[in-house]
PDB file of N, CA and C in Angstrom:
ATOM      1  N   MET A   1     133.971 167.266 118.990  1.00  0.00           N
ATOM      2  CA  MET A   1     134.577 167.615 117.714  1.00  0.00           C
ATOM      3  C   MET A   1     134.607 169.128 117.502  1.00  0.00           C
ATOM      4  N   ASN A   2     133.518 169.796 117.793  1.00  0.00           N
ATOM      5  CA  ASN A   2     133.480 171.239 117.620  1.00  0.00           C
ATOM      6  C   ASN A   2     134.418 171.939 118.587  1.00  0.00           C
ATOM      7  N   THR A   3     134.580 171.394 119.778  1.00  0.00           N
ATOM      8  CA  THR A   3     135.468 171.999 120.769  1.00  0.00           C
ATOM      9  C   THR A   3     136.906 171.957 120.285  1.00  0.00           C
ATOM     10  N   LYS A   4     137.319 170.880 119.656  1.00  0.00           N
ATOM     11  CA  LYS A   4     138.684 170.759 119.135  1.00  0.00           C
ATOM     12  C   LYS A   4     138.926 171.787 118.032  1.00  0.00           C
ATOM     13  N   LYS A   5     137.945 171.951 117.149  1.00  0.00           N
ATOM     14  CA  LYS A   5     138.084 172.935 116.068  1.00  0.00           C
ATOM     15  C   LYS A   5     138.212 174.352 116.632  1.00  0.00           C
ATOM     16  N   ILE A   6     137.399 174.639 117.641  1.00  0.00           N
ATOM     17  CA  ILE A   6     137.454 175.973 118.250  1.00  0.00           C
ATOM     18  C   ILE A   6     138.808 176.210 118.909  1.00  0.00           C
ATOM     19  N   ILE A   7     139.328 175.216 119.599  1.00  0.00           N
ATOM     20  CA  ILE A   7     140.630 175.348 120.265  1.00  0.00           C
ATOM     21  C   ILE A   7     141.741 175.516 119.230  1.00  0.00           C
ATOM     22  N   ILE A   8     141.680 174.775 118.137  1.00  0.00           N
ATOM     23  CA  ILE A   8     142.698 174.898 117.079  1.00  0.00           C
ATOM     24  C   ILE A   8     142.621 176.279 116.433  1.00  0.00           C
ATOM     25  N   LEU A   9     141.417 176.738 116.090  1.00  0.00           N
ATOM     26  CA  LEU A   9     141.260 178.064 115.495  1.00  0.00           C
ATOM     27  C   LEU A   9     141.698 179.171 116.453  1.00  0.00           C
ATOM     28  N   LEU A  10     141.396 179.011 117.730  1.00  0.00           N
ATOM     29  CA  LEU A  10     141.829 179.977 118.727  1.00  0.00           C
ATOM     30  C   LEU A  10     143.352 180.016 118.828  1.00  0.00           C
ATOM     31  N   GLY A  11     143.982 178.867 118.791  1.00  0.00           N
ATOM     32  CA  GLY A  11     145.442 178.797 118.826  1.00  0.00           C
ATOM     33  C   GLY A  11     146.078 179.447 117.612  1.00  0.00           C
ATOM     34  N   ILE A  12     145.506 179.205 116.439  1.00  0.00           N
ATOM     35  CA  ILE A  12     146.026 179.805 115.207  1.00  0.00           C
ATOM     36  C   ILE A  12     145.858 181.326 115.249  1.00  0.00           C
ATOM     37  N   SER A  13     144.693 181.786 115.691  1.00  0.00           N
ATOM     38  CA  SER A  13     144.476 183.235 115.758  1.00  0.00           C
ATOM     39  C   SER A  13     145.403 183.888 116.781  1.00  0.00           C
ATOM     40  N   LEU A  14     145.671 183.247 117.899  1.00  0.00           N
ATOM     41  CA  LEU A  14     146.625 183.786 118.877  1.00  0.00           C
ATOM     42  C   LEU A  14     148.036 183.822 118.307  1.00  0.00           C
ATOM     43  N   LEU A  15     148.407 182.815 117.534  1.00  0.00           N
ATOM     44  CA  LEU A  15     149.724 182.781 116.918  1.00  0.00           C
ATOM     45  C   LEU A  15     149.877 183.927 115.920  1.00  0.00           C
ATOM     46  N   PHE A  16     148.879 184.126 115.054  1.00  0.00           N
ATOM     47  CA  PHE A  16     148.940 185.228 114.099  1.00  0.00           C
ATOM     48  C   PHE A  16     148.929 186.587 114.812  1.00  0.00           C
ATOM     49  N   SER A  17     148.138 186.707 115.862  1.00  0.00           N
ATOM     50  CA  SER A  17     148.103 187.959 116.623  1.00  0.00           C
ATOM     51  C   SER A  17     149.466 188.264 117.225  1.00  0.00           C
ATOM     52  N   PHE A  18     150.123 187.254 117.756  1.00  0.00           N
ATOM     53  CA  PHE A  18     151.450 187.440 118.339  1.00  0.00           C
ATOM     54  C   PHE A  18     152.459 187.863 117.273  1.00  0.00           C
ATOM     55  N   ILE A  19     152.401 187.243 116.099  1.00  0.00           N
ATOM     56  CA  ILE A  19     153.330 187.588 115.012  1.00  0.00           C
ATOM     57  C   ILE A  19     153.113 189.032 114.564  1.00  0.00           C
ATOM     58  N   ILE A  20     151.861 189.435 114.383  1.00  0.00           N
ATOM     59  CA  ILE A  20     151.560 190.800 113.946  1.00  0.00           C
ATOM     60  C   ILE A  20     151.977 191.804 115.018  1.00  0.00           C
ATOM     61  N   PHE A  21     151.687 191.513 116.284  1.00  0.00           N
ATOM     62  CA  PHE A  21     152.073 192.411 117.370  1.00  0.00           C
ATOM     63  C   PHE A  21     153.587 192.554 117.443  1.00  0.00           C
ATOM     64  N   LYS A  22     154.300 191.479 117.259  1.00  0.00           N
ATOM     65  CA  LYS A  22     155.768 191.512 117.311  1.00  0.00           C
ATOM     66  C   LYS A  22     156.320 192.366 116.173  1.00  0.00           C
ATOM     67  N   LYS A  23     155.734 192.254 114.987  1.00  0.00           N
ATOM     68  CA  LYS A  23     156.206 193.030 113.842  1.00  0.00           C
ATOM     69  C   LYS A  23     156.001 194.521 114.062  1.00  0.00           C
ATOM     70  N   TYR A  24     154.816 194.935 114.510  1.00  0.00           N
ATOM     71  CA  TYR A  24     154.530 196.357 114.690  1.00  0.00           C
ATOM     72  C   TYR A  24     155.241 196.943 115.912  1.00  0.00           C
ATOM     73  N   SER A  25     155.460 196.166 116.939  1.00  0.00           N
ATOM     74  CA  SER A  25     156.186 196.707 118.085  1.00  0.00           C
ATOM     75  C   SER A  25     157.661 196.893 117.745  1.00  0.00           C
ATOM     76  N   ALA A  26     158.202 196.108 116.823  1.00  0.00           N
ATOM     77  CA  ALA A  26     159.584 196.295 116.381  1.00  0.00           C
ATOM     78  C   ALA A  26     159.708 197.549 115.525  1.00  0.00           C
ATOM     79  N   GLU A  27     158.686 197.886 114.746  1.00  0.00           N
ATOM     80  CA  GLU A  27     158.711 199.080 113.901  1.00  0.00           C
ATOM     81  C   GLU A  27     158.523 200.357 114.707  1.00  0.00           C
ATOM     82  N   GLU A  28     158.067 200.249 115.939  1.00  0.00           N
ATOM     83  CA  GLU A  28     157.852 201.423 116.772  1.00  0.00           C
ATOM     84  C   GLU A  28     159.175 202.128 117.075  1.00  0.00           C
ATOM     85  N   ASN A  29     160.269 201.423 117.040  1.00  0.00           N
ATOM     86  CA  ASN A  29     161.574 202.014 117.307  1.00  0.00           C
ATOM     87  C   ASN A  29     162.029 202.921 116.172  1.00  0.00           C
ATOM     88  N   ASN A  30     161.402 202.873 115.027  1.00  0.00           N
ATOM     89  CA  ASN A  30     161.765 203.704 113.888  1.00  0.00           C
ATOM     90  C   ASN A  30     160.991 205.025 113.882  1.00  0.00           C
ATOM     91  N   TYR A  31     160.601 205.488 115.028  1.00  0.00           N
ATOM     92  CA  TYR A  31     159.808 206.710 115.166  1.00  0.00           C
ATOM     93  C   TYR A  31     160.626 207.919 114.734  1.00  0.00           C
ATOM     94  N   LYS A  32     160.034 208.760 113.891  1.00  0.00           N
ATOM     95  CA  LYS A  32     160.689 209.976 113.412  1.00  0.00           C
ATOM     96  C   LYS A  32     159.767 211.158 113.646  1.00  0.00           C
ATOM     97  N   GLU A  33     160.342 212.302 113.953  1.00  0.00           N
ATOM     98  CA  GLU A  33     159.563 213.499 114.167  1.00  0.00           C
ATOM     99  C   GLU A  33     159.577 214.376 112.928  1.00  0.00           C
ATOM    100  N   TYR A  34     158.420 214.898 112.597  1.00  0.00           N
ATOM    101  CA  TYR A  34     158.277 215.854 111.509  1.00  0.00           C
ATOM    102  C   TYR A  34     157.661 217.127 112.081  1.00  0.00           C
ATOM    103  N   TYR A  35     157.995 218.256 111.490  1.00  0.00           N
ATOM    104  CA  TYR A  35     157.498 219.537 111.961  1.00  0.00           C
ATOM    105  C   TYR A  35     156.709 220.212 110.841  1.00  0.00           C
ATOM    106  N   ILE A  36     155.522 220.730 111.197  1.00  0.00           N
ATOM    107  CA  ILE A  36     154.691 221.455 110.245  1.00  0.00           C
ATOM    108  C   ILE A  36     155.040 222.937 110.363  1.00  0.00           C
ATOM    109  N   LEU A  37     155.281 223.573 109.234  1.00  0.00           N
ATOM    110  CA  LEU A  37     155.661 224.982 109.222  1.00  0.00           C
ATOM    111  C   LEU A  37     154.413 225.844 109.059  1.00  0.00           C
ATOM    112  N   GLN A  38     154.058 226.556 110.130  1.00  0.00           N
ATOM    113  CA  GLN A  38     152.876 227.426 110.121  1.00  0.00           C
ATOM    114  C   GLN A  38     153.320 228.865 109.945  1.00  0.00           C
ATOM    115  N   VAL A  39     152.695 229.565 108.996  1.00  0.00           N
ATOM    116  CA  VAL A  39     153.028 230.957 108.715  1.00  0.00           C
ATOM    117  C   VAL A  39     152.240 231.895 109.619  1.00  0.00           C
ATOM    118  N   GLY A  40     150.967 231.605 109.832  1.00  0.00           N
ATOM    119  CA  GLY A  40     150.157 232.487 110.652  1.00  0.00           C
ATOM    120  C   GLY A  40     148.807 231.893 110.970  1.00  0.00           C
ATOM    121  N   ALA A  41     148.094 232.590 111.870  1.00  0.00           N
ATOM    122  CA  ALA A  41     146.729 232.212 112.227  1.00  0.00           C
ATOM    123  C   ALA A  41     145.891 233.490 112.239  1.00  0.00           C
ATOM    124  N   TYR A  42     144.755 233.457 111.576  1.00  0.00           N
ATOM    125  CA  TYR A  42     143.940 234.653 111.384  1.00  0.00           C
ATOM    126  C   TYR A  42     142.503 234.402 111.812  1.00  0.00           C
ATOM    127  N   ASN A  43     141.826 235.483 112.222  1.00  0.00           N
ATOM    128  CA  ASN A  43     140.435 235.382 112.664  1.00  0.00           C
ATOM    129  C   ASN A  43     139.442 235.339 111.512  1.00  0.00           C
ATOM    130  N   ASN A  44     139.766 235.995 110.407  1.00  0.00           N
ATOM    131  CA  ASN A  44     138.826 235.966 109.286  1.00  0.00           C
ATOM    132  C   ASN A  44     139.564 235.605 107.993  1.00  0.00           C
ATOM    133  N   TYR A  45     138.779 235.131 107.051  1.00  0.00           N
ATOM    134  CA  TYR A  45     139.354 234.608 105.810  1.00  0.00           C
ATOM    135  C   TYR A  45     139.884 235.717 104.902  1.00  0.00           C
ATOM    136  N   ASP A  46     139.380 236.919 105.037  1.00  0.00           N
ATOM    137  CA  ASP A  46     139.888 238.034 104.223  1.00  0.00           C
ATOM    138  C   ASP A  46     141.361 238.308 104.506  1.00  0.00           C
ATOM    139  N   ASN A  47     141.750 238.220 105.771  1.00  0.00           N
ATOM    140  CA  ASN A  47     143.165 238.393 106.115  1.00  0.00           C
ATOM    141  C   ASN A  47     144.027 237.267 105.541  1.00  0.00           C
ATOM    142  N   VAL A  48     143.469 236.089 105.466  1.00  0.00           N
ATOM    143  CA  VAL A  48     144.197 234.963 104.877  1.00  0.00           C
ATOM    144  C   VAL A  48     144.486 235.251 103.407  1.00  0.00           C
ATOM    145  N   ILE A  49     143.490 235.723 102.695  1.00  0.00           N
ATOM    146  CA  ILE A  49     143.652 236.019 101.269  1.00  0.00           C
ATOM    147  C   ILE A  49     144.693 237.116 101.064  1.00  0.00           C
ATOM    148  N   LYS A  50     144.653 238.164 101.904  1.00  0.00           N
ATOM    149  CA  LYS A  50     145.611 239.262 101.780  1.00  0.00           C
ATOM    150  C   LYS A  50     147.054 238.805 102.027  1.00  0.00           C
ATOM    151  N   ASN A  51     147.245 237.934 103.015  1.00  0.00           N
ATOM    152  CA  ASN A  51     148.595 237.556 103.424  1.00  0.00           C
ATOM    153  C   ASN A  51     149.166 236.347 102.688  1.00  0.00           C
ATOM    154  N   THR A  52     148.405 235.746 101.796  1.00  0.00           N
ATOM    155  CA  THR A  52     148.917 234.595 101.043  1.00  0.00           C
ATOM    156  C   THR A  52     149.120 234.907  99.564  1.00  0.00           C
ATOM    157  N   LYS A  53     149.017 236.151  99.185  1.00  0.00           N
ATOM    158  CA  LYS A  53     149.181 236.512  97.765  1.00  0.00           C
ATOM    159  C   LYS A  53     150.583 236.215  97.258  1.00  0.00           C
ATOM    160  N   THR A  54     151.580 236.299  98.119  1.00  0.00           N
ATOM    161  CA  THR A  54     152.962 236.072  97.685  1.00  0.00           C
ATOM    162  C   THR A  54     153.390 234.610  97.823  1.00  0.00           C
ATOM    163  N   LEU A  55     152.561 233.769  98.403  1.00  0.00           N
ATOM    164  CA  LEU A  55     152.904 232.356  98.594  1.00  0.00           C
ATOM    165  C   LEU A  55     152.448 231.527  97.397  1.00  0.00           C
ATOM    166  N   ASP A  56     153.337 230.659  96.922  1.00  0.00           N
ATOM    167  CA  ASP A  56     152.975 229.785  95.806  1.00  0.00           C
ATOM    168  C   ASP A  56     152.174 228.572  96.276  1.00  0.00           C
ATOM    169  N   ASN A  57     152.659 227.927  97.317  1.00  0.00           N
ATOM    170  CA  ASN A  57     152.022 226.711  97.824  1.00  0.00           C
ATOM    171  C   ASN A  57     151.754 226.873  99.307  1.00  0.00           C
ATOM    172  N   PHE A  58     150.524 226.652  99.696  1.00  0.00           N
ATOM    173  CA  PHE A  58     150.156 226.734 101.104  1.00  0.00           C
ATOM    174  C   PHE A  58     148.866 225.965 101.322  1.00  0.00           C
ATOM    175  N   MET A  59     148.557 225.734 102.588  1.00  0.00           N
ATOM    176  CA  MET A  59     147.323 225.055 102.954  1.00  0.00           C
ATOM    177  C   MET A  59     146.662 225.863 104.059  1.00  0.00           C
ATOM    178  N   VAL A  60     145.359 226.067 103.969  1.00  0.00           N
ATOM    179  CA  VAL A  60     144.605 226.780 104.993  1.00  0.00           C
ATOM    180  C   VAL A  60     143.769 225.755 105.748  1.00  0.00           C
ATOM    181  N   TYR A  61     143.872 225.808 107.063  1.00  0.00           N
ATOM    182  CA  TYR A  61     143.156 224.877 107.933  1.00  0.00           C
ATOM    183  C   TYR A  61     142.313 225.678 108.916  1.00  0.00           C
ATOM    184  N   GLU A  62     141.015 225.403 108.972  1.00  0.00           N
ATOM    185  CA  GLU A  62     140.140 226.105 109.907  1.00  0.00           C
ATOM    186  C   GLU A  62     140.042 225.298 111.193  1.00  0.00           C
ATOM    187  N   ASP A  63     140.377 225.959 112.305  1.00  0.00           N
ATOM    188  CA  ASP A  63     140.390 225.275 113.601  1.00  0.00           C
ATOM    189  C   ASP A  63     139.837 226.221 114.662  1.00  0.00           C
ATOM    190  N   ILE A  64     138.660 225.945 115.156  1.00  0.00           N
ATOM    191  CA  ILE A  64     138.006 226.712 116.222  1.00  0.00           C
ATOM    192  C   ILE A  64     138.000 228.207 115.891  1.00  0.00           C
ATOM    193  N   ASN A  65     137.346 228.552 114.808  1.00  0.00           N
ATOM    194  CA  ASN A  65     137.189 229.941 114.351  1.00  0.00           C
ATOM    195  C   ASN A  65     138.504 230.651 114.052  1.00  0.00           C
ATOM    196  N   MET A  66     139.549 229.908 113.766  1.00  0.00           N
ATOM    197  CA  MET A  66     140.842 230.460 113.363  1.00  0.00           C
ATOM    198  C   MET A  66     141.236 229.805 112.048  1.00  0.00           C
ATOM    199  N   TYR A  67     141.825 230.588 111.158  1.00  0.00           N
ATOM    200  CA  TYR A  67     142.339 230.075 109.892  1.00  0.00           C
ATOM    201  C   TYR A  67     143.856 230.021 109.996  1.00  0.00           C
ATOM    202  N   LYS A  68     144.401 228.818 109.940  1.00  0.00           N
ATOM    203  CA  LYS A  68     145.842 228.635 110.081  1.00  0.00           C
ATOM    204  C   LYS A  68     146.441 228.338 108.714  1.00  0.00           C
ATOM    205  N   ILE A  69     147.582 228.973 108.416  1.00  0.00           N
ATOM    206  CA  ILE A  69     148.247 228.806 107.126  1.00  0.00           C
ATOM    207  C   ILE A  69     149.511 227.985 107.323  1.00  0.00           C
ATOM    208  N   PHE A  70     149.604 226.881 106.592  1.00  0.00           N
ATOM    209  CA  PHE A  70     150.774 226.006 106.634  1.00  0.00           C
ATOM    210  C   PHE A  70     151.454 226.035 105.270  1.00  0.00           C
ATOM    211  N   ILE A  71     152.787 226.077 105.277  1.00  0.00           N
ATOM    212  CA  ILE A  71     153.515 226.131 104.005  1.00  0.00           C
ATOM    213  C   ILE A  71     154.321 224.870 103.733  1.00  0.00           C
ATOM    214  N   GLY A  72     154.432 223.964 104.682  1.00  0.00           N
ATOM    215  CA  GLY A  72     155.178 222.737 104.429  1.00  0.00           C
ATOM    216  C   GLY A  72     155.485 221.987 105.698  1.00  0.00           C
ATOM    217  N   PHE A  73     156.284 220.942 105.554  1.00  0.00           N
ATOM    218  CA  PHE A  73     156.738 220.189 106.711  1.00  0.00           C
ATOM    219  C   PHE A  73     158.189 219.786 106.497  1.00  0.00           C
ATOM    220  N   THR A  74     158.872 219.501 107.612  1.00  0.00           N
ATOM    221  CA  THR A  74     160.289 219.184 107.544  1.00  0.00           C
ATOM    222  C   THR A  74     160.675 218.247 108.688  1.00  0.00           C
ATOM    223  N   LYS A  75     161.810 217.597 108.525  1.00  0.00           N
ATOM    224  CA  LYS A  75     162.389 216.813 109.611  1.00  0.00           C
ATOM    225  C   LYS A  75     163.469 217.600 110.341  1.00  0.00           C
ATOM    226  N   ASP A  76     163.836 218.766 109.802  1.00  0.00           N
ATOM    227  CA  ASP A  76     164.908 219.581 110.359  1.00  0.00           C
ATOM    228  C   ASP A  76     164.451 220.252 111.650  1.00  0.00           C
ATOM    229  N   ASN A  77     165.130 219.975 112.728  1.00  0.00           N
ATOM    230  CA  ASN A  77     164.779 220.485 114.039  1.00  0.00           C
ATOM    231  C   ASN A  77     165.076 221.980 114.167  1.00  0.00           C
ATOM    232  N   SER A  78     165.990 222.515 113.382  1.00  0.00           N
ATOM    233  CA  SER A  78     166.413 223.898 113.554  1.00  0.00           C
ATOM    234  C   SER A  78     165.383 224.910 113.061  1.00  0.00           C
ATOM    235  N   VAL A  79     164.431 224.529 112.252  1.00  0.00           N
ATOM    236  CA  VAL A  79     163.448 225.484 111.719  1.00  0.00           C
ATOM    237  C   VAL A  79     162.114 225.419 112.442  1.00  0.00           C
ATOM    238  N   LYS A  80     162.027 224.668 113.507  1.00  0.00           N
ATOM    239  CA  LYS A  80     160.731 224.489 114.158  1.00  0.00           C
ATOM    240  C   LYS A  80     160.269 225.709 114.937  1.00  0.00           C
ATOM    241  N   ASN A  81     161.147 226.630 115.283  1.00  0.00           N
ATOM    242  CA  ASN A  81     160.719 227.815 116.048  1.00  0.00           C
ATOM    243  C   ASN A  81     160.638 228.998 115.148  1.00  0.00           C
TER     244      ASN A  81
END
């Protein structure tokens, strides 16, 4: 009796797994690229403060002793360089 229940539950879980996998693999074709617009990268935070005084909206990200300034993101391929 327990073996039948386990086999039925295993079959149901495999069916749901297949349905979920099929749904997400179909959505993979809708892949879109976005580009993050970086203004600069600085060694110390004082330079970041000096160079962001004229910016209204920005984000500072610290990465391996570097402070990187980002001002936005876009889907437009022409502004990525």
